[in-house]
Amino acid sequence: MSQQLLLRFDAFDQTRFDDDAETRAAAGLTLLQLWTAEGATRWALFSVNDAAKARNWLSEAGALGHGPAESHFLRTA
């Protein structure tokens, strides 16, 4: 079974998101899809290679004030 991480960003900064790509990769995250929703909301789907590193990345991004508004770890059924 593979694991994914679904994130919702209410305020989205494309430059910051792009600049964070290397940090996300080091946390075992690979971007699979990025969606635009109403307003400035974006949803991002990542494959997760290391759940512990991904959780740590989420915690650090939140502490820095630019983390997602919502996060969900998912497994394929």
PDB file of N, CA and C in Angstrom:
ATOM      1  N   MET A   1       0.839  -1.178   0.000  1.00  0.00           N
ATOM      2  CA  MET A   1       0.000   0.000   0.000  1.00  0.00           C
ATOM      3  C   MET A   1       0.884   1.241   0.000  1.00  0.00           C
ATOM      4  N   SER A   2       0.491   2.190  -0.786  1.00  0.00           N
ATOM      5  CA  SER A   2       1.235   3.445  -0.794  1.00  0.00           C
ATOM      6  C   SER A   2       0.519   4.462   0.083  1.00  0.00           C
ATOM      7  N   GLN A   3       1.290   5.428   0.532  1.00  0.00           N
ATOM      8  CA  GLN A   3       0.736   6.460   1.389  1.00  0.00           C
ATOM      9  C   GLN A   3       0.869   7.809   0.688  1.00  0.00           C
ATOM     10  N   GLN A   4      -0.160   8.628   0.838  1.00  0.00           N
ATOM     11  CA  GLN A   4      -0.161   9.972   0.286  1.00  0.00           C
ATOM     12  C   GLN A   4      -0.464  10.972   1.394  1.00  0.00           C
ATOM     13  N   LEU A   5      -0.162  12.230   1.088  1.00  0.00           N
ATOM     14  CA  LEU A   5      -0.460  13.332   1.984  1.00  0.00           C
ATOM     15  C   LEU A   5      -1.215  14.378   1.177  1.00  0.00           C
ATOM     16  N   LEU A   6      -2.414  14.705   1.635  1.00  0.00           N
ATOM     17  CA  LEU A   6      -3.248  15.711   0.986  1.00  0.00           C
ATOM     18  C   LEU A   6      -3.231  16.965   1.860  1.00  0.00           C
ATOM     19  N   LEU A   7      -2.863  18.094   1.248  1.00  0.00           N
ATOM     20  CA  LEU A   7      -2.745  19.355   1.984  1.00  0.00           C
ATOM     21  C   LEU A   7      -3.646  20.414   1.375  1.00  0.00           C
ATOM     22  N   ARG A   8      -4.229  21.246   2.249  1.00  0.00           N
ATOM     23  CA  ARG A   8      -5.001  22.401   1.795  1.00  0.00           C
ATOM     24  C   ARG A   8      -4.286  23.662   2.259  1.00  0.00           C
ATOM     25  N   PHE A   9      -4.024  24.554   1.322  1.00  0.00           N
ATOM     26  CA  PHE A   9      -3.420  25.850   1.620  1.00  0.00           C
ATOM     27  C   PHE A   9      -4.469  26.912   1.346  1.00  0.00           C
ATOM     28  N   ASP A  10      -4.859  27.668   2.372  1.00  0.00           N
ATOM     29  CA  ASP A  10      -5.851  28.724   2.187  1.00  0.00           C
ATOM     30  C   ASP A  10      -5.231  29.975   1.571  1.00  0.00           C
ATOM     31  N   ALA A  11      -4.015  30.271   1.967  1.00  0.00           N
ATOM     32  CA  ALA A  11      -3.261  31.377   1.373  1.00  0.00           C
ATOM     33  C   ALA A  11      -2.063  30.730   0.702  1.00  0.00           C
ATOM     34  N   PHE A  12      -1.958  30.864  -0.602  1.00  0.00           N
ATOM     35  CA  PHE A  12      -0.939  30.127  -1.346  1.00  0.00           C
ATOM     36  C   PHE A  12       0.024  31.088  -2.020  1.00  0.00           C
ATOM     37  N   ASP A  13       1.307  30.870  -1.782  1.00  0.00           N
ATOM     38  CA  ASP A  13       2.374  31.650  -2.394  1.00  0.00           C
ATOM     39  C   ASP A  13       3.178  30.700  -3.278  1.00  0.00           C
ATOM     40  N   GLN A  14       3.010  30.795  -4.584  1.00  0.00           N
ATOM     41  CA  GLN A  14       3.658  29.872  -5.517  1.00  0.00           C
ATOM     42  C   GLN A  14       5.182  29.910  -5.394  1.00  0.00           C
ATOM     43  N   THR A  15       5.741  31.098  -5.225  1.00  0.00           N
ATOM     44  CA  THR A  15       7.201  31.213  -5.104  1.00  0.00           C
ATOM     45  C   THR A  15       7.695  30.489  -3.858  1.00  0.00           C
ATOM     46  N   ARG A  16       7.044  30.708  -2.733  1.00  0.00           N
ATOM     47  CA  ARG A  16       7.433  30.027  -1.491  1.00  0.00           C
ATOM     48  C   ARG A  16       7.282  28.514  -1.652  1.00  0.00           C
ATOM     49  N   PHE A  17       6.179  28.094  -2.281  1.00  0.00           N
ATOM     50  CA  PHE A  17       5.939  26.664  -2.502  1.00  0.00           C
ATOM     51  C   PHE A  17       7.066  26.066  -3.351  1.00  0.00           C
ATOM     52  N   ASP A  18       7.430  26.748  -4.424  1.00  0.00           N
ATOM     53  CA  ASP A  18       8.512  26.269  -5.289  1.00  0.00           C
ATOM     54  C   ASP A  18       9.848  26.250  -4.559  1.00  0.00           C
ATOM     55  N   ASP A  19      10.112  27.286  -3.770  1.00  0.00           N
ATOM     56  CA  ASP A  19      11.367  27.364  -3.020  1.00  0.00           C
ATOM     57  C   ASP A  19      11.478  26.261  -1.976  1.00  0.00           C
ATOM     58  N   ASP A  20      10.369  25.723  -1.526  1.00  0.00           N
ATOM     59  CA  ASP A  20      10.348  24.680  -0.498  1.00  0.00           C
ATOM     60  C   ASP A  20      10.458  23.261  -1.076  1.00  0.00           C
ATOM     61  N   ALA A  21      10.573  23.148  -2.383  1.00  0.00           N
ATOM     62  CA  ALA A  21      10.582  21.830  -3.029  1.00  0.00           C
ATOM     63  C   ALA A  21      11.714  20.940  -2.521  1.00  0.00           C
ATOM     64  N   GLU A  22      12.897  21.490  -2.345  1.00  0.00           N
ATOM     65  CA  GLU A  22      14.029  20.689  -1.883  1.00  0.00           C
ATOM     66  C   GLU A  22      13.814  20.205  -0.445  1.00  0.00           C
ATOM     67  N   THR A  23      13.257  21.059   0.383  1.00  0.00           N
ATOM     68  CA  THR A  23      12.975  20.680   1.773  1.00  0.00           C
ATOM     69  C   THR A  23      11.929  19.575   1.831  1.00  0.00           C
ATOM     70  N   ARG A  24      10.882  19.693   0.991  1.00  0.00           N
ATOM     71  CA  ARG A  24       9.857  18.639   0.943  1.00  0.00           C
ATOM     72  C   ARG A  24      10.460  17.330   0.456  1.00  0.00           C
ATOM     73  N   ALA A  25      11.321  17.393  -0.547  1.00  0.00           N
ATOM     74  CA  ALA A  25      11.959  16.179  -1.066  1.00  0.00           C
ATOM     75  C   ALA A  25      12.800  15.510   0.016  1.00  0.00           C
ATOM     76  N   ALA A  26      13.515  16.301   0.803  1.00  0.00           N
ATOM     77  CA  ALA A  26      14.320  15.747   1.897  1.00  0.00           C
ATOM     78  C   ALA A  26      13.438  15.106   2.964  1.00  0.00           C
ATOM     79  N   ALA A  27      12.176  15.541   3.040  1.00  0.00           N
ATOM     80  CA  ALA A  27      11.215  14.965   3.985  1.00  0.00           C
ATOM     81  C   ALA A  27      10.493  13.758   3.383  1.00  0.00           C
ATOM     82  N   GLY A  28      10.919  13.321   2.207  1.00  0.00           N
ATOM     83  CA  GLY A  28      10.326  12.135   1.593  1.00  0.00           C
ATOM     84  C   GLY A  28       9.018  12.391   0.877  1.00  0.00           C
ATOM     85  N   LEU A  29       8.763  13.646   0.491  1.00  0.00           N
ATOM     86  CA  LEU A  29       7.513  14.001  -0.197  1.00  0.00           C
ATOM     87  C   LEU A  29       7.774  14.294  -1.670  1.00  0.00           C
ATOM     88  N   THR A  30       6.912  13.739  -2.514  1.00  0.00           N
ATOM     89  CA  THR A  30       6.979  13.989  -3.957  1.00  0.00           C
ATOM     90  C   THR A  30       5.626  14.506  -4.407  1.00  0.00           C
ATOM     91  N   LEU A  31       5.611  15.679  -5.004  1.00  0.00           N
ATOM     92  CA  LEU A  31       4.357  16.274  -5.473  1.00  0.00           C
ATOM     93  C   LEU A  31       3.778  15.449  -6.615  1.00  0.00           C
ATOM     94  N   LEU A  32       2.515  15.045  -6.449  1.00  0.00           N
ATOM     95  CA  LEU A  32       1.813  14.303  -7.486  1.00  0.00           C
ATOM     96  C   LEU A  32       0.851  15.193  -8.264  1.00  0.00           C
ATOM     97  N   GLN A  33       0.178  16.097  -7.532  1.00  0.00           N
ATOM     98  CA  GLN A  33      -0.844  16.937  -8.168  1.00  0.00           C
ATOM     99  C   GLN A  33      -1.049  18.192  -7.341  1.00  0.00           C
ATOM    100  N   LEU A  34      -1.315  19.306  -8.024  1.00  0.00           N
ATOM    101  CA  LEU A  34      -1.641  20.567  -7.373  1.00  0.00           C
ATOM    102  C   LEU A  34      -2.906  21.093  -8.014  1.00  0.00           C
ATOM    103  N   TRP A  35      -3.926  21.364  -7.182  1.00  0.00           N
ATOM    104  CA  TRP A  35      -5.211  21.840  -7.691  1.00  0.00           C
ATOM    105  C   TRP A  35      -5.481  23.252  -7.215  1.00  0.00           C
ATOM    106  N   THR A  36      -6.179  24.019  -8.027  1.00  0.00           N
ATOM    107  CA  THR A  36      -6.674  25.334  -7.668  1.00  0.00           C
ATOM    108  C   THR A  36      -8.144  25.201  -7.311  1.00  0.00           C
ATOM    109  N   ALA A  37      -8.527  25.758  -6.175  1.00  0.00           N
ATOM    110  CA  ALA A  37      -9.928  25.761  -5.760  1.00  0.00           C
ATOM    111  C   ALA A  37     -10.410  27.210  -5.786  1.00  0.00           C
ATOM    112  N   GLU A  38     -11.517  27.470  -5.116  1.00  0.00           N
ATOM    113  CA  GLU A  38     -12.068  28.818  -5.088  1.00  0.00           C
ATOM    114  C   GLU A  38     -11.104  29.781  -4.392  1.00  0.00           C
ATOM    115  N   GLY A  39     -11.039  31.000  -4.890  1.00  0.00           N
ATOM    116  CA  GLY A  39     -10.180  32.014  -4.286  1.00  0.00           C
ATOM    117  C   GLY A  39      -8.711  31.637  -4.382  1.00  0.00           C
ATOM    118  N   ALA A  40      -8.016  31.793  -3.273  1.00  0.00           N
ATOM    119  CA  ALA A  40      -6.582  31.501  -3.242  1.00  0.00           C
ATOM    120  C   ALA A  40      -6.282  30.089  -2.738  1.00  0.00           C
ATOM    121  N   THR A  41      -7.304  29.301  -2.493  1.00  0.00           N
ATOM    122  CA  THR A  41      -7.112  27.962  -1.944  1.00  0.00           C
ATOM    123  C   THR A  41      -6.466  27.040  -2.970  1.00  0.00           C
ATOM    124  N   ARG A  42      -5.488  26.261  -2.492  1.00  0.00           N
ATOM    125  CA  ARG A  42      -4.840  25.236  -3.310  1.00  0.00           C
ATOM    126  C   ARG A  42      -4.836  23.935  -2.515  1.00  0.00           C
ATOM    127  N   TRP A  43      -4.964  22.833  -3.229  1.00  0.00           N
ATOM    128  CA  TRP A  43      -4.829  21.494  -2.659  1.00  0.00           C
ATOM    129  C   TRP A  43      -3.617  20.856  -3.324  1.00  0.00           C
ATOM    130  N   ALA A  44      -2.806  20.170  -2.531  1.00  0.00           N
ATOM    131  CA  ALA A  44      -1.625  19.494  -3.048  1.00  0.00           C
ATOM    132  C   ALA A  44      -1.639  18.041  -2.574  1.00  0.00           C
ATOM    133  N   LEU A  45      -1.329  17.139  -3.485  1.00  0.00           N
ATOM    134  CA  LEU A  45      -1.252  15.714  -3.172  1.00  0.00           C
ATOM    135  C   LEU A  45       0.191  15.259  -3.358  1.00  0.00           C
ATOM    136  N   PHE A  46       0.739  14.641  -2.318  1.00  0.00           N
ATOM    137  CA  PHE A  46       2.115  14.161  -2.341  1.00  0.00           C
ATOM    138  C   PHE A  46       2.149  12.660  -2.090  1.00  0.00           C
ATOM    139  N   SER A  47       3.109  11.979  -2.679  1.00  0.00           N
ATOM    140  CA  SER A  47       3.409  10.618  -2.240  1.00  0.00           C
ATOM    141  C   SER A  47       4.343  10.758  -1.047  1.00  0.00           C
ATOM    142  N   VAL A  48       4.229   9.838  -0.098  1.00  0.00           N
ATOM    143  CA  VAL A  48       5.003   9.891   1.147  1.00  0.00           C
ATOM    144  C   VAL A  48       5.932   8.689   1.188  1.00  0.00           C
ATOM    145  N   ASN A  49       7.230   8.955   1.251  1.00  0.00           N
ATOM    146  CA  ASN A  49       8.219   7.879   1.353  1.00  0.00           C
ATOM    147  C   ASN A  49       8.624   7.610   2.790  1.00  0.00           C
ATOM    148  N   ASP A  50       8.455   8.608   3.669  1.00  0.00           N
ATOM    149  CA  ASP A  50       8.834   8.476   5.073  1.00  0.00           C
ATOM    150  C   ASP A  50       7.848   9.304   5.901  1.00  0.00           C
ATOM    151  N   ALA A  51       6.889   8.639   6.512  1.00  0.00           N
ATOM    152  CA  ALA A  51       5.824   9.338   7.246  1.00  0.00           C
ATOM    153  C   ALA A  51       6.374  10.159   8.409  1.00  0.00           C
ATOM    154  N   ALA A  52       7.371   9.663   9.116  1.00  0.00           N
ATOM    155  CA  ALA A  52       7.930  10.408  10.252  1.00  0.00           C
ATOM    156  C   ALA A  52       8.562  11.714   9.785  1.00  0.00           C
ATOM    157  N   LYS A  53       9.321  11.660   8.700  1.00  0.00           N
ATOM    158  CA  LYS A  53       9.929  12.877   8.154  1.00  0.00           C
ATOM    159  C   LYS A  53       8.853  13.832   7.643  1.00  0.00           C
ATOM    160  N   ALA A  54       7.810  13.307   7.038  1.00  0.00           N
ATOM    161  CA  ALA A  54       6.730  14.152   6.521  1.00  0.00           C
ATOM    162  C   ALA A  54       6.015  14.856   7.671  1.00  0.00           C
ATOM    163  N   ARG A  55       5.763  14.145   8.760  1.00  0.00           N
ATOM    164  CA  ARG A  55       5.115  14.763   9.924  1.00  0.00           C
ATOM    165  C   ARG A  55       6.006  15.856  10.520  1.00  0.00           C
ATOM    166  N   ASN A  56       7.297  15.603  10.565  1.00  0.00           N
ATOM    167  CA  ASN A  56       8.234  16.597  11.070  1.00  0.00           C
ATOM    168  C   ASN A  56       8.226  17.840  10.175  1.00  0.00           C
ATOM    169  N   TRP A  57       8.221  17.644   8.860  1.00  0.00           N
ATOM    170  CA  TRP A  57       8.148  18.766   7.925  1.00  0.00           C
ATOM    171  C   TRP A  57       6.872  19.576   8.155  1.00  0.00           C
ATOM    172  N   LEU A  58       5.735  18.890   8.324  1.00  0.00           N
ATOM    173  CA  LEU A  58       4.469  19.580   8.598  1.00  0.00           C
ATOM    174  C   LEU A  58       4.565  20.418   9.870  1.00  0.00           C
ATOM    175  N   SER A  59       5.144  19.851  10.887  1.00  0.00           N
ATOM    176  CA  SER A  59       5.277  20.550  12.161  1.00  0.00           C
ATOM    177  C   SER A  59       6.164  21.788  12.012  1.00  0.00           C
ATOM    178  N   GLU A  60       7.281  21.647  11.323  1.00  0.00           N
ATOM    179  CA  GLU A  60       8.193  22.779  11.122  1.00  0.00           C
ATOM    180  C   GLU A  60       7.551  23.861  10.259  1.00  0.00           C
ATOM    181  N   ALA A  61       6.872  23.471   9.186  1.00  0.00           N
ATOM    182  CA  ALA A  61       6.220  24.452   8.313  1.00  0.00           C
ATOM    183  C   ALA A  61       5.142  25.211   9.079  1.00  0.00           C
ATOM    184  N   GLY A  62       4.407  24.526   9.925  1.00  0.00           N
ATOM    185  CA  GLY A  62       3.388  25.177  10.735  1.00  0.00           C
ATOM    186  C   GLY A  62       3.999  26.153  11.730  1.00  0.00           C
ATOM    187  N   ALA A  63       5.108  25.762  12.338  1.00  0.00           N
ATOM    188  CA  ALA A  63       5.778  26.635  13.299  1.00  0.00           C
ATOM    189  C   ALA A  63       6.330  27.890  12.628  1.00  0.00           C
ATOM    190  N   LEU A  64       6.706  27.783  11.367  1.00  0.00           N
ATOM    191  CA  LEU A  64       7.239  28.931  10.627  1.00  0.00           C
ATOM    192  C   LEU A  64       6.130  29.816  10.065  1.00  0.00           C
ATOM    193  N   GLY A  65       4.881  29.354  10.185  1.00  0.00           N
ATOM    194  CA  GLY A  65       3.753  30.168   9.754  1.00  0.00           C
ATOM    195  C   GLY A  65       3.384  30.050   8.291  1.00  0.00           C
ATOM    196  N   HIS A  66       3.947  29.066   7.593  1.00  0.00           N
ATOM    197  CA  HIS A  66       3.566  28.903   6.185  1.00  0.00           C
ATOM    198  C   HIS A  66       3.169  27.463   5.864  1.00  0.00           C
ATOM    199  N   GLY A  67       2.704  26.773   6.876  1.00  0.00           N
ATOM    200  CA  GLY A  67       2.241  25.407   6.666  1.00  0.00           C
ATOM    201  C   GLY A  67       0.828  25.381   6.112  1.00  0.00           C
ATOM    202  N   PRO A  68       0.356  24.207   5.768  1.00  0.00           N
ATOM    203  CA  PRO A  68      -1.006  24.081   5.241  1.00  0.00           C
ATOM    204  C   PRO A  68      -2.055  24.304   6.314  1.00  0.00           C
ATOM    205  N   ALA A  69      -3.243  24.680   5.891  1.00  0.00           N
ATOM    206  CA  ALA A  69      -4.368  24.876   6.803  1.00  0.00           C
ATOM    207  C   ALA A  69      -4.941  23.537   7.254  1.00  0.00           C
ATOM    208  N   GLU A  70      -4.736  22.508   6.443  1.00  0.00           N
ATOM    209  CA  GLU A  70      -5.312  21.195   6.721  1.00  0.00           C
ATOM    210  C   GLU A  70      -4.409  20.137   6.102  1.00  0.00           C
ATOM    211  N   SER A  71      -4.264  19.005   6.774  1.00  0.00           N
ATOM    212  CA  SER A  71      -3.453  17.909   6.233  1.00  0.00           C
ATOM    213  C   SER A  71      -4.104  16.575   6.542  1.00  0.00           C
ATOM    214  N   HIS A  72      -3.968  15.643   5.605  1.00  0.00           N
ATOM    215  CA  HIS A  72      -4.541  14.301   5.754  1.00  0.00           C
ATOM    216  C   HIS A  72      -3.570  13.283   5.183  1.00  0.00           C
ATOM    217  N   PHE A  73      -3.154  12.324   6.018  1.00  0.00           N
ATOM    218  CA  PHE A  73      -2.378  11.190   5.525  1.00  0.00           C
ATOM    219  C   PHE A  73      -3.373  10.138   5.054  1.00  0.00           C
ATOM    220  N   LEU A  74      -3.177   9.643   3.845  1.00  0.00           N
ATOM    221  CA  LEU A  74      -4.094   8.690   3.221  1.00  0.00           C
ATOM    222  C   LEU A  74      -3.350   7.472   2.732  1.00  0.00           C
ATOM    223  N   ARG A  75      -4.014   6.346   2.685  1.00  0.00           N
ATOM    224  CA  ARG A  75      -3.472   5.115   2.095  1.00  0.00           C
ATOM    225  C   ARG A  75      -4.403   4.642   0.996  1.00  0.00           C
ATOM    226  N   THR A  76      -3.830   4.056  -0.033  1.00  0.00           N
ATOM    227  CA  THR A  76      -4.680   3.528  -1.106  1.00  0.00           C
ATOM    228  C   THR A  76      -5.466   2.343  -0.553  1.00  0.00           C
ATOM    229  N   ALA A  77      -6.678   2.216  -1.014  1.00  0.00           N
ATOM    230  CA  ALA A  77      -7.558   1.151  -0.534  1.00  0.00           C
ATOM    231  C   ALA A  77      -7.424  -0.082  -1.411  1.00  0.00           C
TER     232      ALA A  77
END
